[in-house]
Amino acid sequence: MVRRVGGRFDQSSNASAFPKENQIYIEEVWELGENGVFKEKVNGTRGIIVQGKDISLVEFFGNNEVQDEEQEITQKPC
């Protein structure tokens, strides 16, 4: 099963490195839309830990890049 996870990787987030087991802690979890755009923050969570064996790809965006992408998608004609 494939599950996409979105979130904010900030000061309290962390990623492990060799020789420790690979994992990433994302401090703020976000709901993703069908097209992968960040929709809204998931309330009532303290973050998520994703084990390295469950990761196939990690993509990072700056805050402005996410906002620009959201505007581009919402402005496209239907």
PDB file of N, CA and C in Angstrom:
ATOM      1  N   MET A   1       0.842  -1.180   0.000  1.00  0.00           N
ATOM      2  CA  MET A   1       0.000   0.000   0.000  1.00  0.00           C
ATOM      3  C   MET A   1       0.888   1.245   0.000  1.00  0.00           C
ATOM      4  N   VAL A   2       0.572   2.194  -0.853  1.00  0.00           N
ATOM      5  CA  VAL A   2       1.319   3.448  -0.927  1.00  0.00           C
ATOM      6  C   VAL A   2       0.538   4.525  -0.191  1.00  0.00           C
ATOM      7  N   ARG A   3       1.213   5.236   0.680  1.00  0.00           N
ATOM      8  CA  ARG A   3       0.594   6.350   1.393  1.00  0.00           C
ATOM      9  C   ARG A   3       1.513   7.547   1.258  1.00  0.00           C
ATOM     10  N   ARG A   4       0.956   8.643   0.832  1.00  0.00           N
ATOM     11  CA  ARG A   4       1.716   9.888   0.739  1.00  0.00           C
ATOM     12  C   ARG A   4       1.513  10.665   2.027  1.00  0.00           C
ATOM     13  N   VAL A   5       2.598  11.186   2.564  1.00  0.00           N
ATOM     14  CA  VAL A   5       2.555  11.955   3.800  1.00  0.00           C
ATOM     15  C   VAL A   5       3.090  13.344   3.509  1.00  0.00           C
ATOM     16  N   GLY A   6       2.356  14.347   3.943  1.00  0.00           N
ATOM     17  CA  GLY A   6       2.810  15.727   3.799  1.00  0.00           C
ATOM     18  C   GLY A   6       2.931  16.357   5.163  1.00  0.00           C
ATOM     19  N   GLY A   7       3.843  17.292   5.291  1.00  0.00           N
ATOM     20  CA  GLY A   7       3.980  17.954   6.575  1.00  0.00           C
ATOM     21  C   GLY A   7       5.014  19.049   6.549  1.00  0.00           C
ATOM     22  N   ARG A   8       5.165  19.661   7.702  1.00  0.00           N
ATOM     23  CA  ARG A   8       6.134  20.745   7.861  1.00  0.00           C
ATOM     24  C   ARG A   8       7.353  20.199   8.593  1.00  0.00           C
ATOM     25  N   PHE A   9       8.496  20.215   7.925  1.00  0.00           N
ATOM     26  CA  PHE A   9       9.767  19.802   8.513  1.00  0.00           C
ATOM     27  C   PHE A   9      10.455  21.077   8.959  1.00  0.00           C
ATOM     28  N   ASP A  10      10.432  21.321  10.268  1.00  0.00           N
ATOM     29  CA  ASP A  10      10.954  22.586  10.802  1.00  0.00           C
ATOM     30  C   ASP A  10      11.896  22.291  11.964  1.00  0.00           C
ATOM     31  N   GLN A  11      12.065  23.241  12.862  1.00  0.00           N
ATOM     32  CA  GLN A  11      13.068  23.153  13.924  1.00  0.00           C
ATOM     33  C   GLN A  11      12.921  21.930  14.825  1.00  0.00           C
ATOM     34  N   SER A  12      11.716  21.477  15.092  1.00  0.00           N
ATOM     35  CA  SER A  12      11.517  20.313  15.966  1.00  0.00           C
ATOM     36  C   SER A  12      11.508  18.994  15.197  1.00  0.00           C
ATOM     37  N   SER A  13      11.561  19.057  13.874  1.00  0.00           N
ATOM     38  CA  SER A  13      11.613  17.844  13.059  1.00  0.00           C
ATOM     39  C   SER A  13      13.029  17.288  13.082  1.00  0.00           C
ATOM     40  N   ASN A  14      13.169  16.020  12.642  1.00  0.00           N
ATOM     41  CA  ASN A  14      14.481  15.399  12.688  1.00  0.00           C
ATOM     42  C   ASN A  14      14.553  14.269  11.671  1.00  0.00           C
ATOM     43  N   ALA A  15      15.750  14.018  11.188  1.00  0.00           N
ATOM     44  CA  ALA A  15      16.001  12.877  10.314  1.00  0.00           C
ATOM     45  C   ALA A  15      17.248  12.171  10.830  1.00  0.00           C
ATOM     46  N   SER A  16      17.196  10.857  10.926  1.00  0.00           N
ATOM     47  CA  SER A  16      18.343  10.105  11.419  1.00  0.00           C
ATOM     48  C   SER A  16      19.346   9.886  10.292  1.00  0.00           C
ATOM     49  N   ALA A  17      20.551   9.513  10.677  1.00  0.00           N
ATOM     50  CA  ALA A  17      21.613   9.281   9.699  1.00  0.00           C
ATOM     51  C   ALA A  17      22.403   8.032  10.099  1.00  0.00           C
ATOM     52  N   PHE A  18      23.118   7.487   9.157  1.00  0.00           N
ATOM     53  CA  PHE A  18      23.956   6.314   9.389  1.00  0.00           C
ATOM     54  C   PHE A  18      24.883   6.596  10.565  1.00  0.00           C
ATOM     55  N   PRO A  19      25.110   5.712  11.482  1.00  0.00           N
ATOM     56  CA  PRO A  19      24.788   4.283  11.473  1.00  0.00           C
ATOM     57  C   PRO A  19      23.440   3.944  12.106  1.00  0.00           C
ATOM     58  N   LYS A  20      22.684   4.939  12.531  1.00  0.00           N
ATOM     59  CA  LYS A  20      21.355   4.683  13.109  1.00  0.00           C
ATOM     60  C   LYS A  20      20.398   4.218  12.011  1.00  0.00           C
ATOM     61  N   GLU A  21      19.286   3.584  12.428  1.00  0.00           N
ATOM     62  CA  GLU A  21      18.258   3.181  11.467  1.00  0.00           C
ATOM     63  C   GLU A  21      17.633   4.439  10.857  1.00  0.00           C
ATOM     64  N   ASN A  22      17.464   4.445   9.548  1.00  0.00           N
ATOM     65  CA  ASN A  22      16.912   5.619   8.865  1.00  0.00           C
ATOM     66  C   ASN A  22      15.453   5.832   9.230  1.00  0.00           C
ATOM     67  N   GLN A  23      15.132   7.055   9.605  1.00  0.00           N
ATOM     68  CA  GLN A  23      13.752   7.463   9.847  1.00  0.00           C
ATOM     69  C   GLN A  23      13.690   8.979   9.825  1.00  0.00           C
ATOM     70  N   ILE A  24      12.480   9.484   9.661  1.00  0.00           N
ATOM     71  CA  ILE A  24      12.279  10.931   9.627  1.00  0.00           C
ATOM     72  C   ILE A  24      11.084  11.262  10.524  1.00  0.00           C
ATOM     73  N   TYR A  25      11.257  12.294  11.347  1.00  0.00           N
ATOM     74  CA  TYR A  25      10.167  12.780  12.188  1.00  0.00           C
ATOM     75  C   TYR A  25       9.726  14.118  11.619  1.00  0.00           C
ATOM     76  N   ILE A  26       8.462  14.224  11.245  1.00  0.00           N
ATOM     77  CA  ILE A  26       7.886  15.458  10.710  1.00  0.00           C
ATOM     78  C   ILE A  26       6.963  16.007  11.785  1.00  0.00           C
ATOM     79  N   GLU A  27       7.262  17.215  12.251  1.00  0.00           N
ATOM     80  CA  GLU A  27       6.565  17.768  13.419  1.00  0.00           C
ATOM     81  C   GLU A  27       5.130  18.200  13.166  1.00  0.00           C
ATOM     82  N   GLU A  28       4.768  18.454  11.916  1.00  0.00           N
ATOM     83  CA  GLU A  28       3.432  18.956  11.604  1.00  0.00           C
ATOM     84  C   GLU A  28       2.893  18.191  10.404  1.00  0.00           C
ATOM     85  N   VAL A  29       1.813  17.452  10.590  1.00  0.00           N
ATOM     86  CA  VAL A  29       1.230  16.632   9.523  1.00  0.00           C
ATOM     87  C   VAL A  29       0.161  17.436   8.793  1.00  0.00           C
ATOM     88  N   TRP A  30       0.154  17.330   7.462  1.00  0.00           N
ATOM     89  CA  TRP A  30      -0.823  18.032   6.627  1.00  0.00           C
ATOM     90  C   TRP A  30      -1.574  17.042   5.755  1.00  0.00           C
ATOM     91  N   GLU A  31      -2.853  17.323   5.536  1.00  0.00           N
ATOM     92  CA  GLU A  31      -3.668  16.547   4.603  1.00  0.00           C
ATOM     93  C   GLU A  31      -3.287  16.972   3.191  1.00  0.00           C
ATOM     94  N   LEU A  32      -3.148  15.991   2.309  1.00  0.00           N
ATOM     95  CA  LEU A  32      -2.804  16.275   0.920  1.00  0.00           C
ATOM     96  C   LEU A  32      -4.024  16.090   0.032  1.00  0.00           C
ATOM     97  N   GLY A  33      -4.137  16.947  -0.982  1.00  0.00           N
ATOM     98  CA  GLY A  33      -5.192  16.800  -1.973  1.00  0.00           C
ATOM     99  C   GLY A  33      -4.829  15.709  -2.963  1.00  0.00           C
ATOM    100  N   GLU A  34      -5.746  15.405  -3.862  1.00  0.00           N
ATOM    101  CA  GLU A  34      -5.520  14.356  -4.858  1.00  0.00           C
ATOM    102  C   GLU A  34      -4.283  14.622  -5.704  1.00  0.00           C
ATOM    103  N   ASN A  35      -4.010  15.885  -5.971  1.00  0.00           N
ATOM    104  CA  ASN A  35      -2.859  16.242  -6.804  1.00  0.00           C
ATOM    105  C   ASN A  35      -1.599  16.482  -5.981  1.00  0.00           C
ATOM    106  N   GLY A  36      -1.628  16.143  -4.683  1.00  0.00           N
ATOM    107  CA  GLY A  36      -0.452  16.264  -3.830  1.00  0.00           C
ATOM    108  C   GLY A  36      -0.241  17.617  -3.199  1.00  0.00           C
ATOM    109  N   VAL A  37      -1.160  18.551  -3.410  1.00  0.00           N
ATOM    110  CA  VAL A  37      -1.035  19.893  -2.838  1.00  0.00           C
ATOM    111  C   VAL A  37      -1.443  19.854  -1.366  1.00  0.00           C
ATOM    112  N   PHE A  38      -0.735  20.597  -0.532  1.00  0.00           N
ATOM    113  CA  PHE A  38      -1.064  20.690   0.882  1.00  0.00           C
ATOM    114  C   PHE A  38      -2.418  21.369   1.040  1.00  0.00           C
ATOM    115  N   LYS A  39      -3.371  20.682   1.702  1.00  0.00           N
ATOM    116  CA  LYS A  39      -4.714  21.238   1.886  1.00  0.00           C
ATOM    117  C   LYS A  39      -4.840  21.950   3.224  1.00  0.00           C
ATOM    118  N   GLU A  40      -4.631  21.214   4.319  1.00  0.00           N
ATOM    119  CA  GLU A  40      -4.755  21.824   5.640  1.00  0.00           C
ATOM    120  C   GLU A  40      -4.010  20.998   6.674  1.00  0.00           C
ATOM    121  N   LYS A  41      -3.625  21.667   7.755  1.00  0.00           N
ATOM    122  CA  LYS A  41      -2.923  21.020   8.852  1.00  0.00           C
ATOM    123  C   LYS A  41      -3.873  20.050   9.550  1.00  0.00           C
ATOM    124  N   VAL A  42      -3.347  18.881   9.922  1.00  0.00           N
ATOM    125  CA  VAL A  42      -4.120  17.899  10.674  1.00  0.00           C
ATOM    126  C   VAL A  42      -4.004  18.267  12.150  1.00  0.00           C
ATOM    127  N   ASN A  43      -5.111  18.629  12.763  1.00  0.00           N
ATOM    128  CA  ASN A  43      -5.113  19.018  14.170  1.00  0.00           C
ATOM    129  C   ASN A  43      -5.116  17.788  15.068  1.00  0.00           C
ATOM    130  N   GLY A  44      -4.628  17.948  16.291  1.00  0.00           N
ATOM    131  CA  GLY A  44      -4.652  16.866  17.265  1.00  0.00           C
ATOM    132  C   GLY A  44      -3.540  15.855  17.087  1.00  0.00           C
ATOM    133  N   THR A  45      -2.485  16.207  16.380  1.00  0.00           N
ATOM    134  CA  THR A  45      -1.347  15.314  16.200  1.00  0.00           C
ATOM    135  C   THR A  45      -0.076  16.038  16.625  1.00  0.00           C
ATOM    136  N   ARG A  46       0.888  15.275  17.087  1.00  0.00           N
ATOM    137  CA  ARG A  46       2.192  15.842  17.467  1.00  0.00           C
ATOM    138  C   ARG A  46       3.256  15.477  16.441  1.00  0.00           C
ATOM    139  N   GLY A  47       2.821  15.118  15.259  1.00  0.00           N
ATOM    140  CA  GLY A  47       3.758  14.785  14.198  1.00  0.00           C
ATOM    141  C   GLY A  47       3.665  13.325  13.807  1.00  0.00           C
ATOM    142  N   ILE A  48       4.619  12.910  12.973  1.00  0.00           N
ATOM    143  CA  ILE A  48       4.625  11.531  12.483  1.00  0.00           C
ATOM    144  C   ILE A  48       6.071  11.080  12.302  1.00  0.00           C
ATOM    145  N   ILE A  49       6.335   9.830  12.646  1.00  0.00           N
ATOM    146  CA  ILE A  49       7.638   9.214  12.399  1.00  0.00           C
ATOM    147  C   ILE A  49       7.456   8.235  11.254  1.00  0.00           C
ATOM    148  N   VAL A  50       8.292   8.363  10.237  1.00  0.00           N
ATOM    149  CA  VAL A  50       8.240   7.460   9.089  1.00  0.00           C
ATOM    150  C   VAL A  50       9.553   6.685   9.062  1.00  0.00           C
ATOM    151  N   GLN A  51       9.449   5.367   9.065  1.00  0.00           N
ATOM    152  CA  GLN A  51      10.625   4.504   9.042  1.00  0.00           C
ATOM    153  C   GLN A  51      11.263   4.510   7.655  1.00  0.00           C
ATOM    154  N   GLY A  52      12.574   4.454   7.614  1.00  0.00           N
ATOM    155  CA  GLY A  52      13.303   4.478   6.352  1.00  0.00           C
ATOM    156  C   GLY A  52      12.866   3.402   5.377  1.00  0.00           C
ATOM    157  N   LYS A  53      12.542   2.212   5.887  1.00  0.00           N
ATOM    158  CA  LYS A  53      12.122   1.107   5.007  1.00  0.00           C
ATOM    159  C   LYS A  53      10.810   1.410   4.294  1.00  0.00           C
ATOM    160  N   ASP A  54      10.057   2.391   4.810  1.00  0.00           N
ATOM    161  CA  ASP A  54       8.769   2.762   4.216  1.00  0.00           C
ATOM    162  C   ASP A  54       8.862   3.976   3.295  1.00  0.00           C
ATOM    163  N   ILE A  55      10.060   4.516   3.130  1.00  0.00           N
ATOM    164  CA  ILE A  55      10.249   5.734   2.331  1.00  0.00           C
ATOM    165  C   ILE A  55      10.800   5.373   0.956  1.00  0.00           C
ATOM    166  N   SER A  56      10.144   5.871  -0.081  1.00  0.00           N
ATOM    167  CA  SER A  56      10.692   5.700  -1.426  1.00  0.00           C
ATOM    168  C   SER A  56      11.207   7.027  -1.976  1.00  0.00           C
ATOM    169  N   LEU A  57      10.674   8.145  -1.475  1.00  0.00           N
ATOM    170  CA  LEU A  57      11.079   9.460  -1.967  1.00  0.00           C
ATOM    171  C   LEU A  57      10.727  10.512  -0.926  1.00  0.00           C
ATOM    172  N   VAL A  58      11.618  11.480  -0.748  1.00  0.00           N
ATOM    173  CA  VAL A  58      11.345  12.636   0.105  1.00  0.00           C
ATOM    174  C   VAL A  58      11.605  13.878  -0.734  1.00  0.00           C
ATOM    175  N   GLU A  59      10.631  14.757  -0.781  1.00  0.00           N
ATOM    176  CA  GLU A  59      10.770  16.008  -1.532  1.00  0.00           C
ATOM    177  C   GLU A  59      10.525  17.168  -0.576  1.00  0.00           C
ATOM    178  N   PHE A  60      11.439  18.142  -0.579  1.00  0.00           N
ATOM    179  CA  PHE A  60      11.327  19.297   0.298  1.00  0.00           C
ATOM    180  C   PHE A  60      10.998  20.538  -0.512  1.00  0.00           C
ATOM    181  N   PHE A  61      10.150  21.400   0.046  1.00  0.00           N
ATOM    182  CA  PHE A  61       9.789  22.677  -0.561  1.00  0.00           C
ATOM    183  C   PHE A  61      10.021  23.773   0.462  1.00  0.00           C
ATOM    184  N   GLY A  62      10.363  24.969  -0.005  1.00  0.00           N
ATOM    185  CA  GLY A  62      10.358  26.131   0.868  1.00  0.00           C
ATOM    186  C   GLY A  62       8.922  26.601   1.013  1.00  0.00           C
ATOM    187  N   ASN A  63       8.631  27.385   2.033  1.00  0.00           N
ATOM    188  CA  ASN A  63       7.257  27.866   2.245  1.00  0.00           C
ATOM    189  C   ASN A  63       6.706  28.577   1.022  1.00  0.00           C
ATOM    190  N   ASN A  64       7.477  29.434   0.387  1.00  0.00           N
ATOM    191  CA  ASN A  64       7.007  30.175  -0.784  1.00  0.00           C
ATOM    192  C   ASN A  64       6.733  29.254  -1.962  1.00  0.00           C
ATOM    193  N   GLU A  65       7.525  28.190  -2.117  1.00  0.00           N
ATOM    194  CA  GLU A  65       7.318  27.264  -3.226  1.00  0.00           C
ATOM    195  C   GLU A  65       5.968  26.569  -3.112  1.00  0.00           C
ATOM    196  N   VAL A  66       5.571  26.187  -1.917  1.00  0.00           N
ATOM    197  CA  VAL A  66       4.284  25.523  -1.715  1.00  0.00           C
ATOM    198  C   VAL A  66       3.157  26.495  -2.013  1.00  0.00           C
ATOM    199  N   GLN A  67       3.265  27.732  -1.537  1.00  0.00           N
ATOM    200  CA  GLN A  67       2.231  28.730  -1.792  1.00  0.00           C
ATOM    201  C   GLN A  67       2.116  29.015  -3.282  1.00  0.00           C
ATOM    202  N   ASP A  68       3.245  29.150  -3.979  1.00  0.00           N
ATOM    203  CA  ASP A  68       3.222  29.405  -5.418  1.00  0.00           C
ATOM    204  C   ASP A  68       2.561  28.251  -6.159  1.00  0.00           C
ATOM    205  N   GLU A  69       2.874  27.014  -5.760  1.00  0.00           N
ATOM    206  CA  GLU A  69       2.294  25.846  -6.417  1.00  0.00           C
ATOM    207  C   GLU A  69       0.788  25.792  -6.186  1.00  0.00           C
ATOM    208  N   GLU A  70       0.331  26.108  -4.977  1.00  0.00           N
ATOM    209  CA  GLU A  70      -1.103  26.112  -4.691  1.00  0.00           C
ATOM    210  C   GLU A  70      -1.816  27.141  -5.552  1.00  0.00           C
ATOM    211  N   GLN A  71      -1.236  28.320  -5.698  1.00  0.00           N
ATOM    212  CA  GLN A  71      -1.851  29.363  -6.514  1.00  0.00           C
ATOM    213  C   GLN A  71      -1.915  28.925  -7.965  1.00  0.00           C
ATOM    214  N   GLU A  72      -0.853  28.306  -8.450  1.00  0.00           N
ATOM    215  CA  GLU A  72      -0.812  27.856  -9.839  1.00  0.00           C
ATOM    216  C   GLU A  72      -1.908  26.826 -10.097  1.00  0.00           C
ATOM    217  N   ILE A  73      -2.086  25.895  -9.187  1.00  0.00           N
ATOM    218  CA  ILE A  73      -3.087  24.845  -9.369  1.00  0.00           C
ATOM    219  C   ILE A  73      -4.497  25.411  -9.282  1.00  0.00           C
ATOM    220  N   THR A  74      -4.751  26.314  -8.321  1.00  0.00           N
ATOM    221  CA  THR A  74      -6.102  26.854  -8.174  1.00  0.00           C
ATOM    222  C   THR A  74      -6.454  27.825  -9.295  1.00  0.00           C
ATOM    223  N   GLN A  75      -5.460  28.367  -9.983  1.00  0.00           N
ATOM    224  CA  GLN A  75      -5.729  29.321 -11.049  1.00  0.00           C
ATOM    225  C   GLN A  75      -5.873  28.660 -12.413  1.00  0.00           C
ATOM    226  N   LYS A  76      -5.571  27.368 -12.514  1.00  0.00           N
ATOM    227  CA  LYS A  76      -5.706  26.682 -13.798  1.00  0.00           C
ATOM    228  C   LYS A  76      -7.179  26.552 -14.160  1.00  0.00           C
ATOM    229  N   PRO A  77      -7.530  26.757 -15.434  1.00  0.00           N
ATOM    230  CA  PRO A  77      -8.931  26.595 -15.845  1.00  0.00           C
ATOM    231  C   PRO A  77      -9.347  25.136 -15.759  1.00  0.00           C
ATOM    232  N   CYS A  78     -10.621  24.903 -15.472  1.00  0.00           N
ATOM    233  CA  CYS A  78     -11.141  23.529 -15.360  1.00  0.00           C
ATOM    234  C   CYS A  78     -11.424  22.943 -16.720  1.00  0.00           C
TER     235      CYS A  78
END
